[in-house]
PDB file of N, CA and C in Angstrom:
ATOM      1  N   MET A   1      67.681 110.654 108.194  1.00  0.00           N
ATOM      2  CA  MET A   1      67.258 109.850 109.328  1.00  0.00           C
ATOM      3  C   MET A   1      65.729 109.873 109.388  1.00  0.00           C
ATOM      4  N   ASP A   2      65.152 108.726 109.601  1.00  0.00           N
ATOM      5  CA  ASP A   2      63.697 108.592 109.674  1.00  0.00           C
ATOM      6  C   ASP A   2      63.240 108.787 111.116  1.00  0.00           C
ATOM      7  N   HIS A   3      62.215 109.580 111.316  1.00  0.00           N
ATOM      8  CA  HIS A   3      61.676 109.844 112.653  1.00  0.00           C
ATOM      9  C   HIS A   3      60.213 109.429 112.702  1.00  0.00           C
ATOM     10  N   THR A   4      59.968 108.135 112.547  1.00  0.00           N
ATOM     11  CA  THR A   4      58.609 107.615 112.514  1.00  0.00           C
ATOM     12  C   THR A   4      58.079 107.424 113.927  1.00  0.00           C
ATOM     13  N   ILE A   5      56.883 107.932 114.185  1.00  0.00           N
ATOM     14  CA  ILE A   5      56.216 107.701 115.467  1.00  0.00           C
ATOM     15  C   ILE A   5      55.549 106.344 115.385  1.00  0.00           C
ATOM     16  N   VAL A   6      55.812 105.493 116.365  1.00  0.00           N
ATOM     17  CA  VAL A   6      55.248 104.146 116.323  1.00  0.00           C
ATOM     18  C   VAL A   6      54.206 103.892 117.396  1.00  0.00           C
ATOM     19  N   HIS A   7      54.152 104.744 118.429  1.00  0.00           N
ATOM     20  CA  HIS A   7      53.181 104.505 119.497  1.00  0.00           C
ATOM     21  C   HIS A   7      52.921 105.784 120.277  1.00  0.00           C
ATOM     22  N   PHE A   8      51.666 106.047 120.539  1.00  0.00           N
ATOM     23  CA  PHE A   8      51.251 107.000 121.557  1.00  0.00           C
ATOM     24  C   PHE A   8      49.803 106.729 121.866  1.00  0.00           C
ATOM     25  N   GLU A   9      49.342 107.228 122.990  1.00  0.00           N
ATOM     26  CA  GLU A   9      47.986 106.965 123.454  1.00  0.00           C
ATOM     27  C   GLU A   9      47.163 108.244 123.432  1.00  0.00           C
ATOM     28  N   ILE A  10      45.896 108.106 123.049  1.00  0.00           N
ATOM     29  CA  ILE A  10      44.962 109.224 123.052  1.00  0.00           C
ATOM     30  C   ILE A  10      43.752 108.794 123.872  1.00  0.00           C
ATOM     31  N   PRO A  11      43.613 109.287 125.102  1.00  0.00           N
ATOM     32  CA  PRO A  11      42.434 108.930 125.892  1.00  0.00           C
ATOM     33  C   PRO A  11      41.176 109.537 125.263  1.00  0.00           C
ATOM     34  N   ALA A  12      40.085 108.764 125.285  1.00  0.00           N
ATOM     35  CA  ALA A  12      38.836 109.251 124.689  1.00  0.00           C
ATOM     36  C   ALA A  12      37.651 108.585 125.372  1.00  0.00           C
ATOM     37  N   ASP A  13      36.574 109.344 125.550  1.00  0.00           N
ATOM     38  CA  ASP A  13      35.341 108.783 126.105  1.00  0.00           C
ATOM     39  C   ASP A  13      34.670 107.837 125.113  1.00  0.00           C
ATOM     40  N   ASP A  14      34.850 108.087 123.822  1.00  0.00           N
ATOM     41  CA  ASP A  14      34.266 107.253 122.764  1.00  0.00           C
ATOM     42  C   ASP A  14      35.403 106.834 121.825  1.00  0.00           C
ATOM     43  N   PRO A  15      36.110 105.741 122.157  1.00  0.00           N
ATOM     44  CA  PRO A  15      37.293 105.363 121.381  1.00  0.00           C
ATOM     45  C   PRO A  15      37.011 105.065 119.910  1.00  0.00           C
ATOM     46  N   GLU A  16      35.866 104.491 119.600  1.00  0.00           N
ATOM     47  CA  GLU A  16      35.548 104.204 118.199  1.00  0.00           C
ATOM     48  C   GLU A  16      35.386 105.495 117.400  1.00  0.00           C
ATOM     49  N   ARG A  17      34.747 106.474 118.000  1.00  0.00           N
ATOM     50  CA  ARG A  17      34.573 107.775 117.330  1.00  0.00           C
ATOM     51  C   ARG A  17      35.928 108.460 117.141  1.00  0.00           C
ATOM     52  N   ALA A  18      36.762 108.419 118.174  1.00  0.00           N
ATOM     53  CA  ALA A  18      38.087 109.027 118.075  1.00  0.00           C
ATOM     54  C   ALA A  18      38.923 108.332 116.996  1.00  0.00           C
ATOM     55  N   ALA A  19      38.875 107.007 116.950  1.00  0.00           N
ATOM     56  CA  ALA A  19      39.631 106.261 115.940  1.00  0.00           C
ATOM     57  C   ALA A  19      39.173 106.647 114.538  1.00  0.00           C
ATOM     58  N   LYS A  20      37.877 106.734 114.335  1.00  0.00           N
ATOM     59  CA  LYS A  20      37.326 107.123 113.027  1.00  0.00           C
ATOM     60  C   LYS A  20      37.811 108.521 112.647  1.00  0.00           C
ATOM     61  N   PHE A  21      37.786 109.448 113.607  1.00  0.00           N
ATOM     62  CA  PHE A  21      38.231 110.821 113.370  1.00  0.00           C
ATOM     63  C   PHE A  21      39.688 110.854 112.898  1.00  0.00           C
ATOM     64  N   TYR A  22      40.581 110.182 113.620  1.00  0.00           N
ATOM     65  CA  TYR A  22      42.003 110.217 113.278  1.00  0.00           C
ATOM     66  C   TYR A  22      42.310 109.445 111.998  1.00  0.00           C
ATOM     67  N   ARG A  23      41.585 108.356 111.752  1.00  0.00           N
ATOM     68  CA  ARG A  23      41.763 107.636 110.480  1.00  0.00           C
ATOM     69  C   ARG A  23      41.406 108.537 109.307  1.00  0.00           C
ATOM     70  N   GLU A  24      40.270 109.221 109.408  1.00  0.00           N
ATOM     71  CA  GLU A  24      39.815 110.074 108.308  1.00  0.00           C
ATOM     72  C   GLU A  24      40.662 111.338 108.159  1.00  0.00           C
ATOM     73  N   LEU A  25      41.097 111.918 109.270  1.00  0.00           N
ATOM     74  CA  LEU A  25      41.862 113.163 109.217  1.00  0.00           C
ATOM     75  C   LEU A  25      43.292 112.951 108.723  1.00  0.00           C
ATOM     76  N   PHE A  26      43.976 111.946 109.286  1.00  0.00           N
ATOM     77  CA  PHE A  26      45.392 111.738 108.992  1.00  0.00           C
ATOM     78  C   PHE A  26      45.688 110.474 108.187  1.00  0.00           C
ATOM     79  N   GLY A  27      44.683 109.607 107.996  1.00  0.00           N
ATOM     80  CA  GLY A  27      44.931 108.343 107.310  1.00  0.00           C
ATOM     81  C   GLY A  27      45.693 107.355 108.180  1.00  0.00           C
ATOM     82  N   TRP A  28      45.591 107.538 109.504  1.00  0.00           N
ATOM     83  CA  TRP A  28      46.320 106.676 110.439  1.00  0.00           C
ATOM     84  C   TRP A  28      45.729 105.283 110.503  1.00  0.00           C
ATOM     85  N   GLN A  29      46.586 104.318 110.819  1.00  0.00           N
ATOM     86  CA  GLN A  29      46.139 102.974 111.174  1.00  0.00           C
ATOM     87  C   GLN A  29      45.977 102.968 112.688  1.00  0.00           C
ATOM     88  N   ILE A  30      44.814 102.583 113.169  1.00  0.00           N
ATOM     89  CA  ILE A  30      44.527 102.578 114.603  1.00  0.00           C
ATOM     90  C   ILE A  30      44.449 101.134 115.078  1.00  0.00           C
ATOM     91  N   ASP A  31      45.295 100.768 116.034  1.00  0.00           N
ATOM     92  CA  ASP A  31      45.266  99.439 116.637  1.00  0.00           C
ATOM     93  C   ASP A  31      44.861  99.585 118.089  1.00  0.00           C
ATOM     94  N   ARG A  32      43.831  98.852 118.492  1.00  0.00           N
ATOM     95  CA  ARG A  32      43.378  98.911 119.885  1.00  0.00           C
ATOM     96  C   ARG A  32      43.953  97.734 120.652  1.00  0.00           C
ATOM     97  N   TYR A  33      44.377  97.997 121.863  1.00  0.00           N
ATOM     98  CA  TYR A  33      44.902  96.972 122.750  1.00  0.00           C
ATOM     99  C   TYR A  33      44.119  97.002 124.047  1.00  0.00           C
ATOM    100  N   ALA A  34      43.919  95.834 124.633  1.00  0.00           N
ATOM    101  CA  ALA A  34      43.203  95.742 125.907  1.00  0.00           C
ATOM    102  C   ALA A  34      44.003  96.467 126.983  1.00  0.00           C
ATOM    103  N   GLY A  35      43.295  97.174 127.848  1.00  0.00           N
ATOM    104  CA  GLY A  35      43.950  97.873 128.946  1.00  0.00           C
ATOM    105  C   GLY A  35      44.400  96.903 130.024  1.00  0.00           C
ATOM    106  N   SER A  36      45.153  97.401 130.959  1.00  0.00           N
ATOM    107  CA  SER A  36      45.662  96.547 132.033  1.00  0.00           C
ATOM    108  C   SER A  36      44.705  96.483 133.210  1.00  0.00           C
ATOM    109  N   GLY A  37      43.585  97.214 133.158  1.00  0.00           N
ATOM    110  CA  GLY A  37      42.697  97.273 134.304  1.00  0.00           C
ATOM    111  C   GLY A  37      41.457  96.585 134.190  1.00  0.00           C
TER     112      GLY A  37
END
């Protein structure tokens, strides 16, 4: 059985820096979506 994580949120003061960190550390694809506020 495959247990793929497809969505979670990571709050960050500097989202671009956080995205770069996680891309480089884990090789993740980071998709940004506009907030509701």
